[in-house]
C-alpha atoms as a PDB file:
ATOM      1  CA  MET A   1       2.636  54.107  -8.813  1.00  0.00           C
ATOM      2  CA  LYS A   2       5.031  56.883  -8.285  1.00  0.00           C
ATOM      3  CA  HIS A   3       3.490  60.263  -7.578  1.00  0.00           C
ATOM      4  CA  PRO A   4       3.919  62.742 -10.452  1.00  0.00           C
ATOM      5  CA  ASP A   5       5.415  65.327  -8.121  1.00  0.00           C
ATOM      6  CA  SER A   6       7.900  63.049  -6.365  1.00  0.00           C
ATOM      7  CA  ALA A   7      10.901  64.084  -8.421  1.00  0.00           C
ATOM      8  CA  ARG A   8      10.130  67.763  -8.176  1.00  0.00           C
ATOM      9  CA  PHE A   9       9.610  67.534  -4.442  1.00  0.00           C
ATOM     10  CA  LEU A  10      12.781  65.570  -3.862  1.00  0.00           C
ATOM     11  CA  ALA A  11      14.784  68.042  -5.944  1.00  0.00           C
ATOM     12  CA  ALA A  12      13.368  70.851  -3.820  1.00  0.00           C
ATOM     13  CA  TYR A  13      14.253  69.011  -0.666  1.00  0.00           C
ATOM     14  CA  ASP A  14      17.869  68.494  -1.800  1.00  0.00           C
ATOM     15  CA  SER A  15      18.387  72.021  -2.999  1.00  0.00           C
ATOM     16  CA  GLN A  16      16.581  73.881  -0.124  1.00  0.00           C
ATOM     17  CA  LEU A  17      16.562  71.780   3.004  1.00  0.00           C
ATOM     18  CA  ARG A  18      20.029  70.336   3.337  1.00  0.00           C
ATOM     19  CA  LEU A  19      23.215  71.860   4.773  1.00  0.00           C
ATOM     20  CA  ALA A  20      22.625  75.407   6.058  1.00  0.00           C
ATOM     21  CA  PRO A  21      18.989  74.913   7.197  1.00  0.00           C
ATOM     22  CA  GLU A  22      19.964  71.822   9.150  1.00  0.00           C
ATOM     23  CA  VAL A  23      22.721  73.468  11.049  1.00  0.00           C
ATOM     24  CA  ALA A  24      21.044  76.797  11.808  1.00  0.00           C
ATOM     25  CA  GLY A  25      21.515  77.681  15.401  1.00  0.00           C
ATOM     26  CA  ALA A  26      24.654  75.609  15.809  1.00  0.00           C
ATOM     27  CA  ARG A  27      27.312  76.839  18.161  1.00  0.00           C
ATOM     28  CA  SER A  28      30.022  75.917  15.484  1.00  0.00           C
ATOM     29  CA  VAL A  29      29.977  74.490  11.970  1.00  0.00           C
ATOM     30  CA  LEU A  30      33.075  72.905  10.445  1.00  0.00           C
ATOM     31  CA  PRO A  31      33.218  72.073   6.719  1.00  0.00           C
ATOM     32  CA  LEU A  32      34.972  68.761   6.093  1.00  0.00           C
ATOM     33  CA  GLY A  33      35.001  68.057   2.454  1.00  0.00           C
ATOM     34  CA  PRO A  34      31.234  67.590   1.518  1.00  0.00           C
ATOM     35  CA  LEU A  35      30.364  67.154   5.233  1.00  0.00           C
ATOM     36  CA  ARG A  36      29.225  69.793   7.698  1.00  0.00           C
ATOM     37  CA  LEU A  37      30.104  69.017  11.387  1.00  0.00           C
ATOM     38  CA  ALA A  38      27.901  71.044  13.666  1.00  0.00           C
ATOM     39  CA  THR A  39      28.040  71.377  17.362  1.00  0.00           C
ATOM     40  CA  PHE A  40      24.921  72.488  19.218  1.00  0.00           C
ATOM     41  CA  ASP A  41      24.357  73.569  22.759  1.00  0.00           C
ATOM     42  CA  GLY A  42      23.822  70.729  25.169  1.00  0.00           C
ATOM     43  CA  GLY A  43      26.806  68.638  23.991  1.00  0.00           C
ATOM     44  CA  ARG A  44      25.145  67.521  20.709  1.00  0.00           C
ATOM     45  CA  GLY A  45      27.136  66.952  17.535  1.00  0.00           C
ATOM     46  CA  PHE A  46      25.483  66.587  14.137  1.00  0.00           C
ATOM     47  CA  VAL A  47      26.734  65.509  10.684  1.00  0.00           C
ATOM     48  CA  THR A  48      25.014  66.235   7.388  1.00  0.00           C
ATOM     49  CA  TYR A  49      25.892  66.746   3.714  1.00  0.00           C
ATOM     50  CA  ALA A  50      24.112  67.439   0.391  1.00  0.00           C
ATOM     51  CA  GLY A  51      25.732  64.470  -1.161  1.00  0.00           C
ATOM     52  CA  LEU A  52      29.171  62.762  -1.124  1.00  0.00           C
ATOM     53  CA  GLY A  53      30.081  63.550  -4.771  1.00  0.00           C
ATOM     54  CA  GLY A  54      30.685  59.984  -5.976  1.00  0.00           C
ATOM     55  CA  ALA A  55      33.254  59.320  -3.207  1.00  0.00           C
ATOM     56  CA  SER A  56      34.597  55.819  -3.020  1.00  0.00           C
ATOM     57  CA  ALA A  57      34.207  53.508   0.051  1.00  0.00           C
ATOM     58  CA  ALA A  58      37.777  54.316   1.098  1.00  0.00           C
ATOM     59  CA  THR A  59      37.081  58.084   0.937  1.00  0.00           C
ATOM     60  CA  VAL A  60      33.799  57.720   2.822  1.00  0.00           C
ATOM     61  CA  ALA A  61      35.570  55.707   5.551  1.00  0.00           C
ATOM     62  CA  GLU A  62      38.285  58.440   5.833  1.00  0.00           C
ATOM     63  CA  CYS A  63      35.523  61.167   6.194  1.00  0.00           C
ATOM     64  CA  VAL A  64      33.986  59.156   8.986  1.00  0.00           C
ATOM     65  CA  ASP A  65      37.352  58.785  10.714  1.00  0.00           C
ATOM     66  CA  GLN A  66      38.023  62.495  10.559  1.00  0.00           C
ATOM     67  CA  ALA A  67      34.518  63.449  11.739  1.00  0.00           C
ATOM     68  CA  VAL A  68      34.654  61.160  14.723  1.00  0.00           C
ATOM     69  CA  ALA A  69      38.115  62.436  15.649  1.00  0.00           C
ATOM     70  CA  HIS A  70      36.836  66.062  15.536  1.00  0.00           C
ATOM     71  CA  PHE A  71      33.958  65.305  17.786  1.00  0.00           C
ATOM     72  CA  ARG A  72      36.062  63.109  20.206  1.00  0.00           C
ATOM     73  CA  ALA A  73      38.555  65.964  20.540  1.00  0.00           C
ATOM     74  CA  ASP A  74      35.718  68.234  22.005  1.00  0.00           C
ATOM     75  CA  PRO A  75      35.018  66.903  25.550  1.00  0.00           C
ATOM     76  CA  ALA A  76      31.770  68.933  25.645  1.00  0.00           C
ATOM     77  CA  VAL A  77      30.297  66.828  22.798  1.00  0.00           C
ATOM     78  CA  GLN A  78      28.534  63.851  24.412  1.00  0.00           C
ATOM     79  CA  SER A  79      26.558  62.467  21.443  1.00  0.00           C
ATOM     80  CA  VAL A  80      26.555  62.776  17.692  1.00  0.00           C
ATOM     81  CA  GLU A  81      23.809  62.146  15.111  1.00  0.00           C
ATOM     82  CA  TRP A  82      24.938  61.339  11.525  1.00  0.00           C
ATOM     83  CA  LYS A  83      21.937  61.975   9.252  1.00  0.00           C
ATOM     84  CA  THR A  84      21.670  59.721   6.159  1.00  0.00           C
ATOM     85  CA  ARG A  85      19.178  59.668   3.276  1.00  0.00           C
ATOM     86  CA  GLY A  86      18.045  56.603   1.377  1.00  0.00           C
ATOM     87  CA  HIS A  87      18.567  58.188  -2.112  1.00  0.00           C
ATOM     88  CA  ASP A  88      22.187  59.210  -1.492  1.00  0.00           C
ATOM     89  CA  ALA A  89      24.986  57.138  -2.952  1.00  0.00           C
ATOM     90  CA  THR A  90      27.176  56.392   0.200  1.00  0.00           C
ATOM     91  CA  PRO A  91      29.392  53.381  -0.463  1.00  0.00           C
ATOM     92  CA  GLY A  92      30.573  51.765   2.708  1.00  0.00           C
ATOM     93  CA  LEU A  93      29.045  54.429   4.954  1.00  0.00           C
ATOM     94  CA  HIS A  94      26.949  51.856   7.003  1.00  0.00           C
ATOM     95  CA  GLY A  95      29.847  49.715   7.864  1.00  0.00           C
ATOM     96  CA  ALA A  96      32.201  52.659   8.562  1.00  0.00           C
ATOM     97  CA  LEU A  97      29.671  54.164  11.007  1.00  0.00           C
ATOM     98  CA  LEU A  98      29.148  50.801  12.822  1.00  0.00           C
ATOM     99  CA  ALA A  99      32.884  50.358  13.154  1.00  0.00           C
ATOM    100  CA  HIS A 100      32.962  53.658  15.113  1.00  0.00           C
ATOM    101  CA  GLY A 101      30.127  52.672  17.461  1.00  0.00           C
ATOM    102  CA  PHE A 102      27.211  54.458  15.654  1.00  0.00           C
ATOM    103  CA  VAL A 103      23.884  52.750  16.024  1.00  0.00           C
ATOM    104  CA  PRO A 104      21.203  53.216  13.380  1.00  0.00           C
ATOM    105  CA  ALA A 105      17.771  54.278  14.543  1.00  0.00           C
ATOM    106  CA  ASP A 106      14.577  53.353  12.749  1.00  0.00           C
ATOM    107  CA  ALA A 107      14.281  54.699   9.233  1.00  0.00           C
ATOM    108  CA  GLU A 108      11.732  57.455   8.727  1.00  0.00           C
ATOM    109  CA  SER A 109       9.945  58.646   5.566  1.00  0.00           C
ATOM    110  CA  ILE A 110      10.670  62.056   4.119  1.00  0.00           C
ATOM    111  CA  MET A 111       7.222  63.476   3.408  1.00  0.00           C
ATOM    112  CA  ILE A 112       6.597  66.532   1.223  1.00  0.00           C
ATOM    113  CA  GLY A 113       3.411  68.097  -0.123  1.00  0.00           C
ATOM    114  CA  ALA A 114       1.900  71.346  -1.409  1.00  0.00           C
ATOM    115  CA  ALA A 115       0.655  73.413   1.467  1.00  0.00           C
ATOM    116  CA  ALA A 116      -2.427  74.343  -0.425  1.00  0.00           C
ATOM    117  CA  ALA A 117      -3.420  70.693  -0.839  1.00  0.00           C
ATOM    118  CA  LEU A 118      -3.458  70.360   3.050  1.00  0.00           C
ATOM    119  CA  VAL A 119      -5.975  73.049   3.553  1.00  0.00           C
ATOM    120  CA  ALA A 120      -9.395  71.744   4.299  1.00  0.00           C
ATOM    121  CA  ASP A 121     -12.485  72.679   6.342  1.00  0.00           C
ATOM    122  CA  VAL A 122     -12.552  70.017   9.018  1.00  0.00           C
ATOM    123  CA  PRO A 123     -15.449  70.074  11.565  1.00  0.00           C
ATOM    124  CA  LEU A 124     -14.261  69.657  15.132  1.00  0.00           C
ATOM    125  CA  PRO A 125     -16.047  67.548  17.775  1.00  0.00           C
ATOM    126  CA  PRO A 126     -18.526  69.530  19.919  1.00  0.00           C
ATOM    127  CA  GLY A 127     -16.741  71.652  22.563  1.00  0.00           C
ATOM    128  CA  VAL A 128     -13.213  71.257  21.066  1.00  0.00           C
ATOM    129  CA  TRP A 129     -11.211  74.441  20.364  1.00  0.00           C
ATOM    130  CA  LEU A 130      -8.177  75.035  18.182  1.00  0.00           C
ATOM    131  CA  ARG A 131      -5.695  77.943  18.551  1.00  0.00           C
ATOM    132  CA  GLN A 132      -2.143  78.998  18.486  1.00  0.00           C
ATOM    133  CA  VAL A 133      -0.291  78.607  21.854  1.00  0.00           C
ATOM    134  CA  THR A 134       2.205  81.143  22.979  1.00  0.00           C
ATOM    135  CA  GLY A 135       2.074  81.578  26.796  1.00  0.00           C
ATOM    136  CA  PRO A 136       4.632  79.561  28.892  1.00  0.00           C
ATOM    137  CA  ALA A 137       1.986  77.764  30.992  1.00  0.00           C
ATOM    138  CA  ASP A 138       0.078  76.653  27.798  1.00  0.00           C
ATOM    139  CA  VAL A 139       3.342  75.623  26.141  1.00  0.00           C
ATOM    140  CA  ARG A 140       4.180  73.462  29.130  1.00  0.00           C
ATOM    141  CA  ALA A 141       0.766  71.926  29.044  1.00  0.00           C
ATOM    142  CA  VAL A 142       1.145  71.006  25.364  1.00  0.00           C
ATOM    143  CA  SER A 143       4.610  69.484  26.077  1.00  0.00           C
ATOM    144  CA  ALA A 144       3.135  67.386  28.927  1.00  0.00           C
ATOM    145  CA  MET A 145       0.302  66.174  26.631  1.00  0.00           C
ATOM    146  CA  GLN A 146       2.713  65.199  23.954  1.00  0.00           C
ATOM    147  CA  ASP A 147       4.779  63.200  26.525  1.00  0.00           C
ATOM    148  CA  VAL A 148       1.720  61.302  27.578  1.00  0.00           C
ATOM    149  CA  ALA A 149       0.538  60.759  23.952  1.00  0.00           C
ATOM    150  CA  PHE A 150       3.979  59.272  23.087  1.00  0.00           C
ATOM    151  CA  GLY A 151       3.996  57.093  26.174  1.00  0.00           C
ATOM    152  CA  ASP A 152       6.874  58.959  27.871  1.00  0.00           C
ATOM    153  CA  SER A 153       7.267  60.409  31.267  1.00  0.00           C
ATOM    154  CA  ILE A 154       6.553  64.075  31.573  1.00  0.00           C
ATOM    155  CA  SER A 155       9.804  65.893  30.838  1.00  0.00           C
ATOM    156  CA  GLU A 156      10.684  69.371  32.120  1.00  0.00           C
ATOM    157  CA  ALA A 157      13.627  69.363  29.777  1.00  0.00           C
ATOM    158  CA  ARG A 158      11.398  68.791  26.637  1.00  0.00           C
ATOM    159  CA  ALA A 159       9.136  71.622  27.897  1.00  0.00           C
ATOM    160  CA  GLU A 160      12.144  73.966  28.180  1.00  0.00           C
ATOM    161  CA  ASP A 161      13.359  72.908  24.681  1.00  0.00           C
ATOM    162  CA  LEU A 162       9.900  73.685  23.224  1.00  0.00           C
ATOM    163  CA  LEU A 163       9.919  77.119  24.902  1.00  0.00           C
ATOM    164  CA  ARG A 164      13.409  77.846  23.457  1.00  0.00           C
ATOM    165  CA  ARG A 165      12.241  76.894  19.934  1.00  0.00           C
ATOM    166  CA  LEU A 166       9.323  79.299  20.203  1.00  0.00           C
ATOM    167  CA  SER A 167      11.385  82.140  21.519  1.00  0.00           C
ATOM    168  CA  ALA A 168      14.342  81.729  19.230  1.00  0.00           C
ATOM    169  CA  GLY A 169      12.993  84.134  16.567  1.00  0.00           C
ATOM    170  CA  GLY A 170      12.804  81.609  13.665  1.00  0.00           C
ATOM    171  CA  GLY A 171       8.987  81.930  13.354  1.00  0.00           C
ATOM    172  CA  THR A 172       8.153  78.539  14.867  1.00  0.00           C
ATOM    173  CA  GLU A 173       4.404  78.244  15.806  1.00  0.00           C
ATOM    174  CA  LEU A 174       2.747  75.950  18.206  1.00  0.00           C
ATOM    175  CA  TRP A 175      -0.884  74.922  17.507  1.00  0.00           C
ATOM    176  CA  ALA A 176      -3.102  73.031  19.888  1.00  0.00           C
ATOM    177  CA  ALA A 177      -6.634  71.690  20.193  1.00  0.00           C
ATOM    178  CA  GLY A 178      -8.383  71.062  23.437  1.00  0.00           C
ATOM    179  CA  HIS A 179     -11.530  70.375  25.238  1.00  0.00           C
ATOM    180  CA  GLU A 180     -12.517  72.670  28.126  1.00  0.00           C
ATOM    181  CA  GLY A 181      -9.241  73.202  29.999  1.00  0.00           C
ATOM    182  CA  CYS A 182      -7.317  70.153  28.606  1.00  0.00           C
ATOM    183  CA  VAL A 183      -5.006  70.097  25.621  1.00  0.00           C
ATOM    184  CA  VAL A 184      -5.845  66.913  23.576  1.00  0.00           C
ATOM    185  CA  SER A 185      -3.800  67.435  20.367  1.00  0.00           C
ATOM    186  CA  ALA A 186      -0.918  69.599  19.124  1.00  0.00           C
ATOM    187  CA  GLY A 187       1.812  70.205  16.645  1.00  0.00           C
ATOM    188  CA  ARG A 188       4.466  72.670  15.511  1.00  0.00           C
ATOM    189  CA  LEU A 189       4.964  74.669  12.290  1.00  0.00           C
ATOM    190  CA  GLU A 190       8.522  75.526  11.554  1.00  0.00           C
ATOM    191  CA  PRO A 191       9.124  77.847   8.516  1.00  0.00           C
ATOM    192  CA  VAL A 192      12.529  77.426   6.931  1.00  0.00           C
ATOM    193  CA  ALA A 193      14.115  80.771   6.178  1.00  0.00           C
ATOM    194  CA  GLY A 194      15.046  81.362   2.606  1.00  0.00           C
ATOM    195  CA  THR A 195      13.112  78.440   1.276  1.00  0.00           C
ATOM    196  CA  ASP A 196       9.636  77.482   0.015  1.00  0.00           C
ATOM    197  CA  PHE A 197       9.212  75.051   2.986  1.00  0.00           C
ATOM    198  CA  ALA A 198       7.675  74.938   6.367  1.00  0.00           C
ATOM    199  CA  GLY A 199       7.983  71.789   8.435  1.00  0.00           C
ATOM    200  CA  ILE A 200       5.201  70.173  10.549  1.00  0.00           C
ATOM    201  CA  TRP A 201       6.627  68.454  13.601  1.00  0.00           C
ATOM    202  CA  GLY A 202       5.658  67.077  16.994  1.00  0.00           C
ATOM    203  CA  GLY A 203       2.076  65.991  16.027  1.00  0.00           C
ATOM    204  CA  ALA A 204       0.435  64.195  18.918  1.00  0.00           C
ATOM    205  CA  THR A 205      -3.160  63.363  19.998  1.00  0.00           C
ATOM    206  CA  LEU A 206      -4.279  61.760  23.171  1.00  0.00           C
ATOM    207  CA  ALA A 207      -5.629  58.202  22.484  1.00  0.00           C
ATOM    208  CA  PRO A 208      -9.268  58.907  23.556  1.00  0.00           C
ATOM    209  CA  TRP A 209      -9.386  61.830  21.038  1.00  0.00           C
ATOM    210  CA  ARG A 210      -7.911  60.095  17.930  1.00  0.00           C
ATOM    211  CA  GLY A 211      -9.972  59.317  14.856  1.00  0.00           C
ATOM    212  CA  GLN A 212     -12.182  62.380  15.249  1.00  0.00           C
ATOM    213  CA  GLY A 213     -10.640  64.702  12.808  1.00  0.00           C
ATOM    214  CA  ILE A 214      -8.737  66.855  15.314  1.00  0.00           C
ATOM    215  CA  TYR A 215      -5.281  66.247  14.032  1.00  0.00           C
ATOM    216  CA  ARG A 216      -6.451  66.675  10.553  1.00  0.00           C
ATOM    217  CA  ALA A 217      -7.894  70.093  11.481  1.00  0.00           C
ATOM    218  CA  LEU A 218      -4.552  70.979  13.162  1.00  0.00           C
ATOM    219  CA  THR A 219      -2.655  70.061  10.021  1.00  0.00           C
ATOM    220  CA  ALA A 220      -4.992  72.176   7.863  1.00  0.00           C
ATOM    221  CA  GLN A 221      -4.589  75.081  10.187  1.00  0.00           C
ATOM    222  CA  ARG A 222      -0.799  74.821  10.054  1.00  0.00           C
ATOM    223  CA  ALA A 223      -0.908  74.637   6.226  1.00  0.00           C
ATOM    224  CA  ARG A 224      -2.983  77.893   6.220  1.00  0.00           C
ATOM    225  CA  SER A 225      -0.405  79.504   8.441  1.00  0.00           C
ATOM    226  CA  ALA A 226       2.421  78.394   6.228  1.00  0.00           C
ATOM    227  CA  LEU A 227       0.701  79.892   3.194  1.00  0.00           C
ATOM    228  CA  ARG A 228       0.258  83.212   5.068  1.00  0.00           C
ATOM    229  CA  LEU A 229       4.094  83.111   5.664  1.00  0.00           C
ATOM    230  CA  GLY A 230       4.665  82.591   1.984  1.00  0.00           C
ATOM    231  CA  LYS A 231       5.647  78.893   2.321  1.00  0.00           C
ATOM    232  CA  THR A 232       4.216  76.775  -0.472  1.00  0.00           C
ATOM    233  CA  LEU A 233       5.647  73.348   0.463  1.00  0.00           C
ATOM    234  CA  ILE A 234       5.296  71.350   3.681  1.00  0.00           C
ATOM    235  CA  HIS A 235       7.747  68.706   4.825  1.00  0.00           C
ATOM    236  CA  SER A 236       8.043  66.173   7.678  1.00  0.00           C
ATOM    237  CA  ASP A 237      10.016  63.165   8.742  1.00  0.00           C
ATOM    238  CA  SER A 238       7.482  60.447   9.604  1.00  0.00           C
ATOM    239  CA  THR A 239       7.408  57.091  11.371  1.00  0.00           C
ATOM    240  CA  GLU A 240       5.500  54.198   9.742  1.00  0.00           C
ATOM    241  CA  TYR A 241       2.657  55.024  12.088  1.00  0.00           C
ATOM    242  CA  SER A 242       2.291  58.672  10.909  1.00  0.00           C
ATOM    243  CA  ARG A 243       3.306  58.164   7.239  1.00  0.00           C
ATOM    244  CA  PRO A 244      -0.078  56.782   6.064  1.00  0.00           C
ATOM    245  CA  ILE A 245      -1.886  59.590   7.969  1.00  0.00           C
ATOM    246  CA  LEU A 246       0.162  62.201   6.130  1.00  0.00           C
ATOM    247  CA  GLU A 247      -0.324  60.458   2.843  1.00  0.00           C
ATOM    248  CA  ARG A 248      -4.076  60.679   3.297  1.00  0.00           C
ATOM    249  CA  TYR A 249      -3.640  64.394   3.890  1.00  0.00           C
ATOM    250  CA  GLY A 250      -1.687  64.784   0.616  1.00  0.00           C
ATOM    251  CA  LEU A 251       1.963  64.426   1.427  1.00  0.00           C
ATOM    252  CA  VAL A 252       4.128  62.241  -0.680  1.00  0.00           C
ATOM    253  CA  LYS A 253       7.028  59.944   0.458  1.00  0.00           C
ATOM    254  CA  VAL A 254      10.025  61.056  -1.566  1.00  0.00           C
ATOM    255  CA  SER A 255      12.836  59.188   0.312  1.00  0.00           C
ATOM    256  CA  THR A 256      13.872  57.931   3.690  1.00  0.00           C
ATOM    257  CA  THR A 257      16.202  59.270   6.361  1.00  0.00           C
ATOM    258  CA  THR A 258      18.010  57.207   8.955  1.00  0.00           C
ATOM    259  CA  PRO A 259      19.851  58.744  11.851  1.00  0.00           C
ATOM    260  CA  TYR A 260      22.957  57.006  13.121  1.00  0.00           C
ATOM    261  CA  ASN A 261      23.737  57.841  16.801  1.00  0.00           C
ATOM    262  CA  TRP A 262      27.010  57.808  18.695  1.00  0.00           C
ATOM    263  CA  SER A 263      27.438  58.385  22.392  1.00  0.00           C
ATOM    264  CA  ARG A 264      30.678  59.087  24.199  1.00  0.00           C
ATOM    265  CA  GLU A 265      29.581  56.484  26.855  1.00  0.00           C
ATOM    266  CA  ASN A 266      29.668  53.730  24.140  1.00  0.00           C
END
């Protein structure tokens, strides 16, 4: 059964979270019809839009041609992500992207819920602490824990990216839980300026500590912080692993998002 708030949440997503919030911090943004072509530091291109306005398959293919030509002309751009949503009408887009060497990643669920509904008093296991993390050494410890939790090698680049996010002035918060001197779970809160939304991202818990309510407590704490910042809605893009967890917490799947990725090496 469809959730009674699904349509309202999706309308809020489309009106508040697309276009400008997605390209905030870009080095340059080029409007191309309904598209926004953004170039970020690090050689990363990004394409988004609020809708294609009933464009035909031929018009969509032409938009893809022009977007790819724009990024190919900039030798600094090494990769491009074209962000799609499952509820958009985009005739011929899949085929046009494949023809230019874009590769679709796994679809993720767009999850939205009321921040107030995520607040709960969750008891932590004995000896487990929960706090906001700000110091560089602690941020690096969180980043390393997330790498381990996701089965990746510990990455200095991801740690530096996390430090940049926290120092960029956008209000991003990092919350972590730990036992004694070790971080065991963490996640970010990213308020979206000028909207009702804050995003919850980067949630990870070490395997031995899962199923004990720690991540639920972290989510509740981030929701409290969002409410203090005046944000009444929470959003996240979730894998099929995390979707049911967030649904249990009160978030609703309103659509899907699938990134298509292009690399200059392809």
